[in-house]
Amino acid sequence: MASESEKEELKAVAEFIKELSNIVPNMVKGILESFFSEEAGRSMGKAVGNFYNELIKSGIPPQTAVEMAKDYLGTLTKWSDVLKTLQIHAPTRKETKEVEVCKEEPGEEE
């Protein structure tokens, strides 16, 4: 049988999870939008271009620099894939359920 403090703790955890289910999907959506906006595309293009140019200036052969720039872009875009996966698996408000903690009366057993 759970003590009163354990019941209160479970109730607090349930409330915390309920709040997270409201916050996390919107947060992930905002982050995803920042990855796929027009401005983000320009920024990524500049970053990859600057990376490539710096490699060339450093004496890296062009073909190697291209491969390294592709890898760099891949690293940037992998984060967006991770975030998409999080958004797909994040519960929506409709999927969350209320959790009710019932107080057991003395002498009651399950």
C-alpha atoms as a PDB file:
ATOM      1  CA  MET A   1       0.000   0.000   0.000  1.00  0.00           C
ATOM      2  CA  ALA A   2       1.356   3.429  -0.938  1.00  0.00           C
ATOM      3  CA  SER A   3       1.893   5.968   1.796  1.00  0.00           C
ATOM      4  CA  GLU A   4       0.348   9.438   1.626  1.00  0.00           C
ATOM      5  CA  SER A   5       3.709  10.976   0.699  1.00  0.00           C
ATOM      6  CA  GLU A   6       4.168   8.434  -2.118  1.00  0.00           C
ATOM      7  CA  LYS A   7       0.705   9.258  -3.444  1.00  0.00           C
ATOM      8  CA  GLU A   8       1.504  12.968  -3.384  1.00  0.00           C
ATOM      9  CA  GLU A   9       4.786  12.297  -5.170  1.00  0.00           C
ATOM     10  CA  LEU A  10       2.995  10.265  -7.861  1.00  0.00           C
ATOM     11  CA  LYS A  11       0.445  13.029  -8.259  1.00  0.00           C
ATOM     12  CA  ALA A  12       3.267  15.580  -8.695  1.00  0.00           C
ATOM     13  CA  VAL A  13       4.980  13.370 -11.291  1.00  0.00           C
ATOM     14  CA  ALA A  14       1.712  12.958 -13.196  1.00  0.00           C
ATOM     15  CA  GLU A  15       1.192  16.727 -13.199  1.00  0.00           C
ATOM     16  CA  PHE A  16       4.766  17.277 -14.393  1.00  0.00           C
ATOM     17  CA  ILE A  17       4.292  14.827 -17.279  1.00  0.00           C
ATOM     18  CA  LYS A  18       1.013  16.519 -18.196  1.00  0.00           C
ATOM     19  CA  GLU A  19       2.767  19.907 -18.341  1.00  0.00           C
ATOM     20  CA  LEU A  20       5.609  18.472 -20.434  1.00  0.00           C
ATOM     21  CA  SER A  21       3.111  17.065 -22.910  1.00  0.00           C
ATOM     22  CA  ASN A  22       1.856  20.624 -23.419  1.00  0.00           C
ATOM     23  CA  ILE A  23       5.293  22.239 -23.733  1.00  0.00           C
ATOM     24  CA  VAL A  24       7.540  19.795 -25.609  1.00  0.00           C
ATOM     25  CA  PRO A  25       5.599  19.459 -28.899  1.00  0.00           C
ATOM     26  CA  ASN A  26       5.447  23.243 -29.350  1.00  0.00           C
ATOM     27  CA  MET A  27       9.115  23.598 -28.471  1.00  0.00           C
ATOM     28  CA  VAL A  28      10.135  20.924 -30.994  1.00  0.00           C
ATOM     29  CA  LYS A  29       7.892  22.514 -33.637  1.00  0.00           C
ATOM     30  CA  GLY A  30       9.573  25.898 -33.086  1.00  0.00           C
ATOM     31  CA  ILE A  31      13.038  24.385 -33.351  1.00  0.00           C
ATOM     32  CA  LEU A  32      12.079  22.522 -36.537  1.00  0.00           C
ATOM     33  CA  GLU A  33      10.724  25.705 -38.075  1.00  0.00           C
ATOM     34  CA  SER A  34      14.025  27.415 -37.317  1.00  0.00           C
ATOM     35  CA  PHE A  35      15.862  24.672 -39.234  1.00  0.00           C
ATOM     36  CA  PHE A  36      13.643  24.886 -42.301  1.00  0.00           C
ATOM     37  CA  SER A  37      13.004  28.599 -42.631  1.00  0.00           C
ATOM     38  CA  GLU A  38      14.281  30.601 -45.585  1.00  0.00           C
ATOM     39  CA  GLU A  39      16.674  32.398 -43.260  1.00  0.00           C
ATOM     40  CA  ALA A  40      17.994  29.098 -41.875  1.00  0.00           C
ATOM     41  CA  GLY A  41      18.621  27.892 -45.426  1.00  0.00           C
ATOM     42  CA  ARG A  42      20.622  31.013 -46.214  1.00  0.00           C
ATOM     43  CA  SER A  43      22.597  30.670 -43.005  1.00  0.00           C
ATOM     44  CA  MET A  44      23.366  27.002 -43.644  1.00  0.00           C
ATOM     45  CA  GLY A  45      24.416  27.779 -47.199  1.00  0.00           C
ATOM     46  CA  LYS A  46      26.755  30.516 -45.984  1.00  0.00           C
ATOM     47  CA  ALA A  47      28.168  28.279 -43.265  1.00  0.00           C
ATOM     48  CA  VAL A  48      28.875  25.423 -45.674  1.00  0.00           C
ATOM     49  CA  GLY A  49      30.310  27.816 -48.283  1.00  0.00           C
ATOM     50  CA  ASN A  50      32.579  29.469 -45.726  1.00  0.00           C
ATOM     51  CA  PHE A  51      33.686  26.075 -44.450  1.00  0.00           C
ATOM     52  CA  TYR A  52      34.546  24.977 -48.007  1.00  0.00           C
ATOM     53  CA  ASN A  53      36.427  28.229 -48.724  1.00  0.00           C
ATOM     54  CA  GLU A  54      38.451  27.906 -45.527  1.00  0.00           C
ATOM     55  CA  LEU A  55      39.384  24.344 -46.428  1.00  0.00           C
ATOM     56  CA  ILE A  56      40.573  25.466 -49.881  1.00  0.00           C
ATOM     57  CA  LYS A  57      42.544  28.369 -48.347  1.00  0.00           C
ATOM     58  CA  SER A  58      44.186  25.863 -46.015  1.00  0.00           C
ATOM     59  CA  GLY A  59      45.432  23.831 -48.964  1.00  0.00           C
ATOM     60  CA  ILE A  60      42.881  21.021 -48.904  1.00  0.00           C
ATOM     61  CA  PRO A  61      42.379  19.601 -52.436  1.00  0.00           C
ATOM     62  CA  PRO A  62      39.027  20.715 -53.950  1.00  0.00           C
ATOM     63  CA  GLN A  63      37.543  17.200 -54.160  1.00  0.00           C
ATOM     64  CA  THR A  64      38.414  16.522 -50.519  1.00  0.00           C
ATOM     65  CA  ALA A  65      37.003  19.924 -49.536  1.00  0.00           C
ATOM     66  CA  VAL A  66      33.728  19.095 -51.329  1.00  0.00           C
ATOM     67  CA  GLU A  67      33.445  15.797 -49.451  1.00  0.00           C
ATOM     68  CA  MET A  68      34.204  17.503 -46.142  1.00  0.00           C
ATOM     69  CA  ALA A  69      31.631  20.224 -46.878  1.00  0.00           C
ATOM     70  CA  LYS A  70      29.028  17.534 -47.663  1.00  0.00           C
ATOM     71  CA  ASP A  71      29.794  15.841 -44.353  1.00  0.00           C
ATOM     72  CA  TYR A  72      29.501  19.185 -42.574  1.00  0.00           C
ATOM     73  CA  LEU A  73      26.094  19.850 -44.152  1.00  0.00           C
ATOM     74  CA  GLY A  74      25.050  16.311 -43.263  1.00  0.00           C
ATOM     75  CA  THR A  75      25.898  16.979 -39.633  1.00  0.00           C
ATOM     76  CA  LEU A  76      23.749  20.108 -39.657  1.00  0.00           C
ATOM     77  CA  THR A  77      20.786  18.347 -41.245  1.00  0.00           C
ATOM     78  CA  LYS A  78      20.990  15.260 -39.004  1.00  0.00           C
ATOM     79  CA  TRP A  79      19.872  17.430 -36.106  1.00  0.00           C
ATOM     80  CA  SER A  80      16.704  18.288 -37.987  1.00  0.00           C
ATOM     81  CA  ASP A  81      16.023  14.570 -38.513  1.00  0.00           C
ATOM     82  CA  VAL A  82      16.403  13.947 -34.783  1.00  0.00           C
ATOM     83  CA  LEU A  83      13.987  16.770 -34.025  1.00  0.00           C
ATOM     84  CA  LYS A  84      11.458  15.482 -36.562  1.00  0.00           C
ATOM     85  CA  THR A  85      11.572  12.087 -34.868  1.00  0.00           C
ATOM     86  CA  LEU A  86      10.971  13.728 -31.502  1.00  0.00           C
ATOM     87  CA  GLN A  87       7.992  15.604 -32.886  1.00  0.00           C
ATOM     88  CA  ILE A  88       6.501  12.447 -34.388  1.00  0.00           C
ATOM     89  CA  HIS A  89       6.793  10.558 -31.098  1.00  0.00           C
ATOM     90  CA  ALA A  90       5.791  13.382 -28.761  1.00  0.00           C
ATOM     91  CA  PRO A  91       2.324  12.852 -27.331  1.00  0.00           C
ATOM     92  CA  THR A  92      -0.286  15.419 -28.185  1.00  0.00           C
ATOM     93  CA  ARG A  93      -2.573  16.894 -25.574  1.00  0.00           C
ATOM     94  CA  LYS A  94      -5.336  14.570 -26.812  1.00  0.00           C
ATOM     95  CA  GLU A  95      -3.124  11.535 -26.202  1.00  0.00           C
ATOM     96  CA  THR A  96      -2.397  12.371 -22.584  1.00  0.00           C
ATOM     97  CA  LYS A  97      -4.691  11.054 -19.915  1.00  0.00           C
ATOM     98  CA  GLU A  98      -5.665  12.411 -16.573  1.00  0.00           C
ATOM     99  CA  VAL A  99      -4.212  10.449 -13.702  1.00  0.00           C
ATOM    100  CA  GLU A 100      -6.287  10.308 -10.588  1.00  0.00           C
ATOM    101  CA  VAL A 101      -4.701   9.341  -7.306  1.00  0.00           C
ATOM    102  CA  CYS A 102      -7.329   7.886  -5.027  1.00  0.00           C
ATOM    103  CA  LYS A 103      -6.995   7.973  -1.296  1.00  0.00           C
ATOM    104  CA  GLU A 104      -7.329   4.522   0.203  1.00  0.00           C
ATOM    105  CA  GLU A 105      -9.513   4.244   3.238  1.00  0.00           C
ATOM    106  CA  PRO A 106      -7.924   2.594   6.281  1.00  0.00           C
ATOM    107  CA  GLY A 107      -8.412  -1.155   6.193  1.00  0.00           C
ATOM    108  CA  GLU A 108      -9.000  -1.315   2.410  1.00  0.00           C
ATOM    109  CA  GLU A 109      -6.838  -3.665   0.415  1.00  0.00           C
ATOM    110  CA  GLU A 110      -6.478  -4.088  -3.312  1.00  0.00           C
END
